[in-house]
């Protein structure tokens, strides 16, 4: 009987796959690669001009490449922080982490003066960390792949974190636009029901820290209701072992570019595990490749290898969120741009070679700024007046909220990079439309006709990503890069076999 039920479920999944869901644009497959902890200036402050020193991958902009709202000569020569922004070499790719807490980030921007990044860094920096590092930036000789993607596809220079704060609020905003609805209240983590820090998810048996649960809806609920296939695919999600009672052990480890071991799975980077309705507490695998993206024991939460299995077998979900293993997610302190580039390039190369490329858009986005210097004062579009955590209230920045507004959601937060890589993306284009992390959520809602989250979700007012695309003409171009250097690859990478498996990041 059990086998019959499984067979019926698979037939239903196949039928669902065969019945296409209508979309408002030619994008029928969206892949969101959600990386860690980068401000816009930290990666793109001098774009498209690189220093090009010896022994580093060179970058020379294509003719007509537009500039961005970046680091001007005046900002470098007379910076209000007392230390000029300075270039980090490629051999400085793994650095100390910066202070990127909800209150600390507000303090650094100082009501628009943008001059307190050093005091924040000095307070946070450990004994082996130079606080002036917060003013450092990379250029196209280190983040070479990202600069190449930007000049061949489209990038935004006016996109922001939806609120101030670290990784988990950014991830929650990505999928729901709503950091309120968290419980229990935990000092300096959850304040009056609003998340401002990084506790672990309550519905994850690999959580190792204080845990929090979210009520309300997220985009997974909307996709399920709309019959749209989807999944969150994260490095290290597949258990390395199970305890006698069956509980998962998420113990896989890899070494970063500095040779230090890093745990692949970071529980507080998986936002769907905070919601019981979209969680997979036991880290159960899908019942089959055909079931990936559909309802089942895995409940849309998967390992990265499941994504590649789905792609290779012709079962790619309509909406996929990819999270790199820890050592490749770019988070300062345990990862960095070289590790992140390897993951991004191997992933994007393979997606471009897939049969889905003509109907695909890849969005590369980040969860927070890590506290790295960015010279643009975020526009404050959502107000909060918590005297315990909104230090900018007295300086008329976070402002006075409406009477019924949820507290501690002051935002926008710091400016973040955002790239769109697609045959439908504008070429060598810089978009300055005001957007935020929730703009990705809104694109999903609008493209698949899902409606809105409600309950004061920021999706109701998020700016559109539409200006990054040109849907009047498909440009069936590909940009295949070398994962080691980020330069255009002179050798065609294999489409199958052991080398392709290694390049894809499958584990």
Protein backbone atom coordinates (compact mmCIF):
# COMPACT_ATOMS: atom_id res chain seq x y z
CA UNK A 1 0.00 0.00 0.00
CA UNK A 2 2.84 2.36 0.89
CA UNK A 3 4.51 1.68 -2.46
CA UNK A 4 1.26 2.41 -4.26
CA UNK A 5 0.88 5.75 -2.46
CA UNK A 6 4.45 6.73 -3.36
CA UNK A 7 3.83 5.78 -7.00
CA UNK A 8 0.66 7.86 -7.06
CA UNK A 9 2.51 10.82 -5.56
CA UNK A 10 5.20 10.57 -8.22
CA UNK A 11 2.59 10.40 -10.97
CA UNK A 12 0.95 13.50 -9.51
CA UNK A 13 4.32 15.25 -9.40
CA UNK A 14 4.94 14.32 -13.01
CA UNK A 15 1.53 15.61 -14.03
CA UNK A 16 2.18 18.86 -12.21
CA UNK A 17 5.51 19.20 -14.00
CA UNK A 18 3.82 18.62 -17.36
CA UNK A 19 1.25 21.34 -16.76
CA UNK A 20 3.11 24.66 -17.11
CA UNK A 21 2.18 27.51 -14.79
CA UNK A 22 1.65 30.82 -16.55
CA UNK A 23 4.09 33.65 -15.86
CA UNK A 24 3.92 37.37 -16.57
CA UNK A 25 7.38 37.40 -18.15
CA UNK A 26 9.45 34.91 -20.18
CA UNK A 27 11.17 33.91 -16.91
CA UNK A 28 9.89 30.44 -16.07
CA UNK A 29 12.87 29.39 -13.94
CA UNK A 30 14.31 31.72 -11.30
CA UNK A 31 17.47 30.88 -9.35
CA UNK A 32 18.29 33.15 -6.41
CA UNK A 33 21.87 32.75 -5.17
CA UNK A 34 21.90 34.33 -1.72
CA UNK A 35 25.43 35.10 -0.53
CA UNK A 36 26.78 36.59 2.69
CA UNK A 37 27.87 39.93 4.11
CA UNK A 38 29.01 42.41 1.46
CA UNK A 39 28.30 46.12 1.11
CA UNK A 40 28.11 47.59 -2.38
CA UNK A 41 31.27 49.67 -2.00
CA UNK A 42 33.16 46.68 -0.60
CA UNK A 43 32.85 44.85 -3.94
CA UNK A 44 31.94 47.54 -6.49
CA UNK A 45 33.17 50.86 -5.07
CA UNK A 46 35.60 51.53 -7.94
CA UNK A 47 33.74 49.65 -10.70
CA UNK A 48 34.62 49.50 -13.57
CA UNK A 49 38.18 50.70 -12.82
CA UNK A 50 40.60 48.10 -11.39
CA UNK A 51 44.19 48.69 -10.26
CA UNK A 52 45.53 45.74 -12.32
CA UNK A 53 48.75 45.07 -10.35
CA UNK A 54 51.10 42.31 -11.50
CA UNK A 55 50.22 38.69 -10.72
CA UNK A 56 46.50 39.32 -10.23
CA UNK A 57 43.75 38.55 -12.78
CA UNK A 58 43.41 41.71 -14.89
CA UNK A 59 40.13 43.48 -15.52
CA UNK A 60 39.63 45.87 -18.43
CA UNK A 61 36.15 47.24 -18.89
CA UNK A 62 34.36 46.86 -22.19
CA UNK A 63 33.95 50.06 -24.21
CA UNK A 64 30.93 51.96 -22.99
CA UNK A 65 30.76 50.28 -19.59
CA UNK A 66 28.81 52.68 -17.33
CA UNK A 67 30.06 53.77 -13.95
CA UNK A 68 28.24 53.38 -10.65
CA UNK A 69 27.53 55.50 -7.60
CA UNK A 70 30.82 54.47 -6.05
CA UNK A 71 33.89 55.79 -4.28
CA UNK A 72 34.83 59.18 -5.71
CA UNK A 73 38.28 60.75 -5.47
CA UNK A 74 36.87 63.15 -2.88
CA UNK A 75 35.59 60.31 -0.68
CA UNK A 76 38.98 58.61 -0.85
CA UNK A 77 40.99 61.78 -0.27
CA UNK A 78 38.80 63.37 2.42
CA UNK A 79 36.71 60.66 3.96
CA UNK A 80 34.66 61.74 7.03
CA UNK A 81 35.66 58.54 8.86
CA UNK A 82 39.24 59.78 9.20
CA UNK A 83 40.66 56.84 7.24
CA UNK A 84 40.52 56.73 3.48
CA UNK A 85 38.88 53.72 1.82
CA UNK A 86 41.70 51.47 0.66
CA UNK A 87 42.12 48.61 -1.78
CA UNK A 88 42.52 45.05 -0.50
CA UNK A 89 44.78 42.78 -2.51
CA UNK A 90 43.73 39.36 -3.72
CA UNK A 91 45.90 37.73 -1.04
CA UNK A 92 43.73 39.46 1.61
CA UNK A 93 40.64 37.53 0.63
CA UNK A 94 39.88 36.11 4.10
CA UNK A 95 39.54 38.93 6.61
CA UNK A 96 38.15 39.64 10.05
CA UNK A 97 34.39 39.95 10.45
CA UNK A 98 32.93 43.44 11.06
CA UNK A 99 30.14 44.60 13.39
CA UNK A 100 26.83 44.31 11.55
CA UNK A 101 24.27 44.33 14.33
CA UNK A 102 20.98 46.20 14.02
CA UNK A 103 21.97 49.05 16.35
CA UNK A 104 25.65 49.20 15.42
CA UNK A 105 24.87 49.71 11.74
CA UNK A 106 22.53 52.59 12.54
CA UNK A 107 25.23 54.17 14.66
CA UNK A 108 27.80 53.92 11.85
CA UNK A 109 25.59 55.93 9.46
CA UNK A 110 25.11 58.69 12.08
CA UNK A 111 21.93 60.21 10.71
CA UNK A 112 23.36 60.64 7.22
CA UNK A 113 26.88 61.82 8.08
CA UNK A 114 28.19 58.28 7.42
CA UNK A 115 31.20 58.97 9.64
CA UNK A 116 31.13 56.48 12.52
CA UNK A 117 32.28 53.27 10.86
CA UNK A 118 35.60 53.33 12.70
CA UNK A 119 34.19 53.71 16.23
CA UNK A 120 31.87 50.78 15.56
CA UNK A 121 34.74 48.70 14.19
CA UNK A 122 37.02 49.59 17.12
CA UNK A 123 34.38 48.46 19.59
CA UNK A 124 33.89 45.16 17.82
CA UNK A 125 37.38 44.29 16.58
CA UNK A 126 39.16 41.42 18.27
CA UNK A 127 42.79 41.60 19.42
CA UNK A 128 44.06 40.35 16.05
CA UNK A 129 41.83 42.56 13.88
CA UNK A 130 42.70 46.02 12.60
CA UNK A 131 39.56 48.20 12.96
CA UNK A 132 40.53 50.30 9.92
CA UNK A 133 39.85 47.19 7.82
CA UNK A 134 36.18 48.24 7.78
CA UNK A 135 37.16 50.82 5.14
CA UNK A 136 38.70 48.21 2.82
CA UNK A 137 37.33 47.28 -0.59
CA UNK A 138 38.09 44.84 -3.41
CA UNK A 139 38.20 45.57 -7.10
CA UNK A 140 37.98 43.62 -10.35
CA UNK A 141 41.32 41.90 -9.73
CA UNK A 142 39.77 39.94 -6.83
CA UNK A 143 36.00 39.94 -7.46
CA UNK A 144 36.80 39.46 -11.12
CA UNK A 145 33.86 37.20 -11.92
CA UNK A 146 31.30 39.58 -10.43
CA UNK A 147 32.71 42.49 -12.41
CA UNK A 148 32.58 40.39 -15.57
CA UNK A 149 28.97 39.43 -14.89
CA UNK A 150 28.12 43.08 -14.26
CA UNK A 151 29.50 44.27 -17.60
CA UNK A 152 27.90 41.46 -19.60
CA UNK A 153 24.54 41.48 -17.82
CA UNK A 154 22.87 43.91 -15.35
CA UNK A 155 23.66 45.26 -11.88
CA UNK A 156 21.90 47.59 -9.46
CA UNK A 157 23.76 50.33 -7.59
CA UNK A 158 20.72 51.42 -5.59
CA UNK A 159 19.54 48.28 -3.80
CA UNK A 160 19.49 47.98 -0.01
CA UNK A 161 18.98 45.61 2.86
CA UNK A 162 15.34 45.81 3.85
CA UNK A 163 16.29 46.64 7.44
CA UNK A 164 19.46 47.16 9.41
CA UNK A 165 20.96 44.04 10.94
CA UNK A 166 22.73 40.74 10.28
CA UNK A 167 22.14 37.56 8.28
CA UNK A 168 18.88 36.14 9.57
CA UNK A 169 16.76 39.32 9.28
CA UNK A 170 18.02 39.63 5.70
CA UNK A 171 17.10 36.04 4.91
CA UNK A 172 13.67 36.37 6.53
CA UNK A 173 13.01 39.57 4.57
CA UNK A 174 13.95 37.77 1.36
CA UNK A 175 11.18 35.21 1.79
CA UNK A 176 8.50 37.15 3.68
CA UNK A 177 9.33 40.86 3.89
CA UNK A 178 8.39 40.63 7.54
CA UNK A 179 10.78 40.25 10.51
CA UNK A 180 7.93 40.59 13.00
CA UNK A 181 6.10 37.51 14.27
CA UNK A 182 9.08 35.89 16.02
CA UNK A 183 8.84 34.14 19.38
CA UNK A 184 9.96 33.96 22.09
CA UNK A 185 11.38 37.37 22.90
CA UNK A 186 15.12 36.98 23.56
CA UNK A 187 17.17 39.90 24.78
CA UNK A 188 19.03 41.59 21.89
CA UNK A 189 17.69 38.97 19.47
CA UNK A 190 13.89 39.24 19.39
CA UNK A 191 12.39 42.51 20.63
CA UNK A 192 8.64 42.82 21.06
CA UNK A 193 8.17 40.05 18.51
CA UNK A 194 10.64 41.43 15.94
CA UNK A 195 13.85 39.65 14.99
CA UNK A 196 17.00 41.82 14.98
CA UNK A 197 19.80 39.23 15.35
CA UNK A 198 20.81 35.64 14.49
CA UNK A 199 19.18 33.01 16.70
CA UNK A 200 18.82 29.54 15.19
CA UNK A 201 15.55 28.23 13.69
CA UNK A 202 13.19 26.39 16.04
CA UNK A 203 12.23 23.80 13.41
CA UNK A 204 15.73 22.52 12.68
CA UNK A 205 17.27 19.62 14.57
CA UNK A 206 20.73 20.85 13.53
CA UNK A 207 20.25 24.13 15.41
CA UNK A 208 22.88 24.64 18.11
CA UNK A 209 21.98 28.03 19.60
CA UNK A 210 18.96 29.84 21.03
CA UNK A 211 16.00 29.08 18.77
CA UNK A 212 13.15 31.20 17.46
CA UNK A 213 9.96 30.38 15.55
CA UNK A 214 8.06 32.59 13.11
CA UNK A 215 4.32 32.76 12.60
CA UNK A 216 2.73 34.15 9.48
CA UNK A 217 3.31 33.36 5.81
CA UNK A 218 6.33 33.27 3.55
CA UNK A 219 6.80 32.94 -0.19
CA UNK A 220 6.91 29.16 0.13
CA UNK A 221 3.30 29.20 1.28
CA UNK A 222 2.32 31.39 -1.68
CA UNK A 223 4.16 29.14 -4.14
CA UNK A 224 2.48 26.05 -2.70
CA UNK A 225 -0.93 27.67 -2.95
CA UNK A 226 -0.21 28.63 -6.56
CA UNK A 227 0.95 25.14 -7.52
CA UNK A 228 4.45 26.44 -8.36
CA UNK A 229 7.40 24.13 -7.73
CA UNK A 230 10.17 25.50 -5.54
CA UNK A 231 12.97 24.65 -3.16
CA UNK A 232 15.67 26.00 -0.85
CA UNK A 233 18.97 24.19 -1.49
CA UNK A 234 21.76 24.64 1.04
CA UNK A 235 25.31 23.35 1.39
CA UNK A 236 25.68 20.87 4.24
CA UNK A 237 21.93 20.28 4.59
CA UNK A 238 22.31 16.56 3.93
CA UNK A 239 23.21 15.02 7.34
CA UNK A 240 26.72 13.65 7.73
CA UNK A 241 25.33 11.10 10.20
CA UNK A 242 22.29 10.32 12.31
CA UNK A 243 22.11 9.67 16.03
CA UNK A 244 20.58 6.40 17.29
CA UNK A 245 17.17 8.05 17.59
CA UNK A 246 17.37 9.34 14.03
CA UNK A 247 18.28 12.97 14.77
CA UNK A 248 20.46 14.50 12.04
CA UNK A 249 24.08 15.52 12.50
CA UNK A 250 25.11 18.34 10.16
CA UNK A 251 28.83 17.87 10.49
CA UNK A 252 30.41 18.15 7.04
CA UNK A 253 33.43 20.46 6.96
CA UNK A 254 35.57 22.00 4.19
CA UNK A 255 38.62 24.24 4.27
CA UNK A 256 38.45 27.82 3.05
CA UNK A 257 41.07 29.67 1.00
CA UNK A 258 43.10 30.25 4.16
CA UNK A 259 43.16 26.53 4.89
CA UNK A 260 40.85 26.77 7.92
CA UNK A 261 38.06 24.19 8.38
CA UNK A 262 34.53 25.58 8.21
CA UNK A 263 31.21 23.82 8.86
CA UNK A 264 29.19 23.61 5.66
CA UNK A 265 25.77 24.02 7.24
CA UNK A 266 24.80 27.25 9.02
CA UNK A 267 21.34 26.80 10.50
CA UNK A 268 20.45 30.49 10.83
CA UNK A 269 21.05 30.97 7.08
CA UNK A 270 18.00 28.83 6.17
CA UNK A 271 14.98 31.11 6.65
CA UNK A 272 12.33 28.51 5.83
CA UNK A 273 13.35 26.45 8.88
CA UNK A 274 11.95 29.20 11.14
CA UNK A 275 8.42 28.47 9.87
CA UNK A 276 6.84 25.15 10.80
CA UNK A 277 4.84 25.10 7.56
CA UNK A 278 7.98 25.13 5.37
CA UNK A 279 10.47 23.30 7.57
CA UNK A 280 12.25 19.96 7.35
CA UNK A 281 13.46 19.51 10.93
CA UNK A 282 14.96 16.04 10.40
CA UNK A 283 16.71 17.04 7.15
CA UNK A 284 14.91 14.25 5.30
CA UNK A 285 15.88 13.72 1.65
CA UNK A 286 13.38 13.86 -1.22
CA UNK A 287 11.71 10.53 -1.98
CA UNK A 288 12.99 10.76 -5.57
CA UNK A 289 14.49 13.21 -8.01
CA UNK A 290 11.06 13.67 -9.57
CA UNK A 291 9.70 14.77 -6.20
CA UNK A 292 12.13 17.69 -5.84
CA UNK A 293 10.21 20.95 -5.79
CA UNK A 294 6.96 19.25 -4.80
CA UNK A 295 5.33 18.53 -1.46
CA UNK A 296 6.79 15.55 0.35
CA UNK A 297 8.84 14.59 3.41
CA UNK A 298 11.62 17.04 2.48
CA UNK A 299 9.05 19.86 2.43
CA UNK A 300 11.04 21.89 -0.16
CA UNK A 301 14.22 21.98 1.99
CA UNK A 302 17.13 20.24 0.29
CA UNK A 303 20.85 19.76 -0.02
CA UNK A 304 22.69 21.43 -2.91
CA UNK A 305 23.27 18.04 -4.55
CA UNK A 306 19.49 17.72 -4.89
CA UNK A 307 19.44 20.88 -6.98
CA UNK A 308 21.95 19.45 -9.43
CA UNK A 309 20.11 16.14 -9.57
CA UNK A 310 16.91 18.00 -10.42
CA UNK A 311 18.64 20.11 -13.07
CA UNK A 312 20.33 17.13 -14.74
CA UNK A 313 17.17 15.00 -14.78
CA UNK A 314 14.85 17.66 -16.16
CA UNK A 315 13.00 18.36 -12.90
CA UNK A 316 14.27 21.85 -12.08
CA UNK A 317 11.77 23.71 -9.87
CA UNK A 318 10.37 26.99 -11.11
CA UNK A 319 11.86 28.89 -8.15
CA UNK A 320 15.12 27.81 -6.52
CA UNK A 321 17.06 29.46 -3.71
CA UNK A 322 20.72 28.42 -3.47
CA UNK A 323 22.85 28.81 -0.35
CA UNK A 324 26.54 27.97 -0.58
CA UNK A 325 28.26 25.88 2.08
CA UNK A 326 29.81 28.05 4.78
CA UNK A 327 33.30 28.17 3.36
CA UNK A 328 31.98 29.40 -0.02
CA UNK A 329 29.29 31.86 1.08
CA UNK A 330 31.64 34.88 1.23
CA UNK A 331 31.07 35.71 4.92
CA UNK A 332 34.09 37.56 6.35
CA UNK A 333 35.74 35.71 9.21
CA UNK A 334 35.43 32.25 7.68
CA UNK A 335 35.03 32.79 3.93
CA UNK A 336 35.77 35.48 1.38
CA UNK A 337 35.58 36.57 -2.24
CA UNK A 338 37.89 33.87 -3.66
CA UNK A 339 35.90 31.06 -2.03
CA UNK A 340 32.61 32.73 -3.02
CA UNK A 341 33.77 33.22 -6.61
CA UNK A 342 34.55 29.53 -6.99
CA UNK A 343 31.01 28.63 -5.96
CA UNK A 344 29.31 31.34 -8.00
CA UNK A 345 31.19 30.67 -11.22
CA UNK A 346 30.86 26.88 -11.08
CA UNK A 347 27.14 27.27 -10.41
CA UNK A 348 26.43 29.93 -13.03
CA UNK A 349 28.53 28.18 -15.70
CA UNK A 350 26.49 25.05 -15.31
CA UNK A 351 23.16 26.87 -15.28
CA UNK A 352 24.05 28.68 -18.50
CA UNK A 353 24.76 25.33 -20.17
CA UNK A 354 21.47 23.81 -19.09
CA UNK A 355 18.41 23.41 -21.29
CA UNK A 356 16.62 25.90 -19.04
CA UNK A 357 18.86 28.87 -19.86
CA UNK A 358 16.49 30.47 -22.40
CA UNK A 359 13.76 30.79 -19.74
CA UNK A 360 16.01 31.47 -16.74
CA UNK A 361 17.02 34.41 -14.61
CA UNK A 362 19.74 34.16 -11.97
CA UNK A 363 19.66 36.78 -9.23
CA UNK A 364 22.83 37.11 -7.15
CA UNK A 365 22.07 38.93 -3.90
CA UNK A 366 23.46 39.29 -0.39
CA UNK A 367 21.91 39.05 3.07
CA UNK A 368 23.65 41.99 4.80
CA UNK A 369 26.65 44.31 4.55
CA UNK A 370 28.79 42.77 7.34
CA UNK A 371 29.26 46.37 8.49
CA UNK A 372 31.67 47.15 5.63
CA UNK A 373 31.83 50.84 4.73
CA UNK A 374 29.42 52.09 2.10
CA UNK A 375 29.18 55.81 1.45
CA UNK A 376 25.45 55.94 0.60
CA UNK A 377 23.07 56.79 3.40
CA UNK A 378 20.14 54.34 3.13
CA UNK A 379 16.75 55.98 2.60
CA UNK A 380 14.63 55.32 5.67
CA UNK A 381 11.31 54.12 4.32
CA UNK A 382 10.17 52.25 7.45
CA UNK A 383 10.28 53.91 10.85
CA UNK A 384 10.91 52.62 14.34
CA UNK A 385 11.31 54.40 17.67
CA UNK A 386 12.67 51.81 20.07
CA UNK A 387 15.00 53.79 22.41
CA UNK A 388 16.82 50.56 23.31
CA UNK A 389 17.87 49.69 19.78
CA UNK A 390 17.04 52.55 17.38
CA UNK A 391 19.89 54.88 18.22
CA UNK A 392 19.08 57.09 15.25
CA UNK A 393 15.61 57.96 16.56
CA UNK A 394 16.99 60.95 18.44
CA UNK A 395 18.73 62.11 15.28
CA UNK A 396 15.48 62.09 13.30
CA UNK A 397 16.53 59.17 11.14
CA UNK A 398 14.48 56.13 12.05
CA UNK A 399 11.61 58.49 12.71
CA UNK A 400 8.23 58.01 14.34
CA UNK A 401 6.28 54.96 13.16
CA UNK A 402 2.57 54.76 12.58
CA UNK A 403 0.62 53.77 15.69
CA UNK A 404 0.02 50.19 14.55
CA UNK A 405 3.44 49.61 12.91
CA UNK A 406 5.58 46.75 14.13
CA UNK A 407 8.71 47.99 15.97
CA UNK A 408 12.43 47.45 15.31
CA UNK A 409 12.21 47.25 11.54
CA UNK A 410 14.11 50.45 10.78
CA UNK A 411 15.14 50.41 7.16
CA UNK A 412 16.32 50.43 4.54
CA UNK A 413 19.59 49.10 5.83
CA UNK A 414 23.00 49.33 4.09
CA UNK A 415 23.39 49.27 0.31
CA UNK A 416 24.10 45.80 -1.12
CA UNK A 417 25.10 44.50 -4.57
CA UNK A 418 22.45 42.87 -6.74
CA UNK A 419 23.04 41.30 -10.16
CA UNK A 420 20.72 39.76 -12.73
CA UNK A 421 22.24 37.19 -15.10
CA UNK A 422 19.88 36.07 -17.85
CA UNK A 423 19.34 35.99 -21.61
CA UNK A 424 16.65 38.55 -20.79
CA UNK A 425 18.89 40.85 -18.72
CA UNK A 426 20.00 44.16 -20.15
CA UNK A 427 23.59 44.07 -21.32
CA UNK A 428 26.32 46.05 -19.53
CA UNK A 429 23.66 47.97 -17.64
CA UNK A 430 23.59 49.74 -14.27
CA UNK A 431 20.13 50.21 -12.79
CA UNK A 432 19.54 52.91 -10.19
CA UNK A 433 15.91 52.10 -9.42
CA UNK A 434 15.39 52.04 -5.65
CA UNK A 435 15.01 48.40 -4.59
CA UNK A 436 15.67 46.19 -1.58
CA UNK A 437 15.87 42.49 -0.69
CA UNK A 438 12.09 42.24 -0.73
CA UNK A 439 12.10 43.31 -4.38
CA UNK A 440 13.17 39.73 -5.14
CA UNK A 441 10.15 38.43 -3.24
CA UNK A 442 7.93 40.84 -5.14
CA UNK A 443 9.35 39.69 -8.48
CA UNK A 444 8.40 36.11 -7.58
CA UNK A 445 4.93 37.15 -6.43
CA UNK A 446 4.28 39.15 -9.58
CA UNK A 447 5.82 36.78 -12.11
CA UNK A 448 3.82 33.78 -10.86
CA UNK A 449 0.67 35.77 -9.93
CA UNK A 450 0.83 34.76 -6.27
CA UNK A 451 -0.57 37.82 -4.51
CA UNK A 452 0.99 39.44 -1.44
CA UNK A 453 2.11 38.22 2.00
CA UNK A 454 0.08 40.81 3.94
CA UNK A 455 0.48 41.72 7.63
CA UNK A 456 2.74 44.74 6.98
CA UNK A 457 5.11 42.81 4.73
CA UNK A 458 7.42 45.13 2.82
CA UNK A 459 6.41 43.40 -0.43
CA UNK A 460 3.53 45.87 -0.79
CA UNK A 461 5.95 48.73 -1.48
CA UNK A 462 9.15 47.05 -2.70
CA UNK A 463 10.67 48.57 -5.82
CA UNK A 464 10.57 46.64 -9.09
CA UNK A 465 13.48 44.71 -10.59
CA UNK A 466 11.90 45.16 -14.01
CA UNK A 467 14.38 47.77 -15.24
CA UNK A 468 17.21 45.19 -15.05
CA UNK A 469 15.46 43.21 -17.81
CA UNK A 470 14.54 43.76 -21.43
CA UNK A 471 11.75 41.35 -22.29
CA UNK A 472 11.39 42.64 -25.85
CA UNK A 473 14.30 40.52 -27.08
CA UNK A 474 16.08 37.42 -25.86
CA UNK A 475 19.87 37.57 -26.13
CA UNK A 476 20.94 33.95 -26.08
CA UNK A 477 24.43 34.73 -24.83
CA UNK A 478 26.52 32.93 -22.26
CA UNK A 479 29.53 34.06 -20.26
CA UNK A 480 31.58 31.05 -19.17
CA UNK A 481 34.25 32.00 -16.63
CA UNK A 482 37.20 30.27 -14.98
CA UNK A 483 36.24 29.53 -11.34
CA UNK A 484 39.83 30.08 -10.23
CA UNK A 485 40.31 33.57 -11.66
CA UNK A 486 36.87 34.84 -12.71
CA UNK A 487 38.19 35.53 -16.22
CA UNK A 488 36.49 34.31 -19.40
CA UNK A 489 37.36 30.65 -19.69
CA UNK A 490 39.62 29.71 -22.62
CA UNK A 491 38.69 26.04 -22.31
CA UNK A 492 35.20 24.62 -22.61
CA UNK A 493 34.34 22.96 -19.31
CA UNK A 494 32.97 19.41 -19.43
CA UNK A 495 29.22 18.96 -19.40
CA UNK A 496 29.34 15.63 -17.61
CA UNK A 497 31.70 13.32 -15.80
CA UNK A 498 33.85 13.75 -12.67
CA UNK A 499 35.21 17.16 -13.66
CA UNK A 500 31.73 18.57 -14.19
CA UNK A 501 30.60 17.14 -10.88
CA UNK A 502 33.48 18.87 -9.12
CA UNK A 503 32.79 22.14 -10.93
CA UNK A 504 29.13 22.07 -10.00
CA UNK A 505 29.83 22.00 -6.28
CA UNK A 506 28.03 18.70 -5.78
CA UNK A 507 28.95 16.97 -2.54
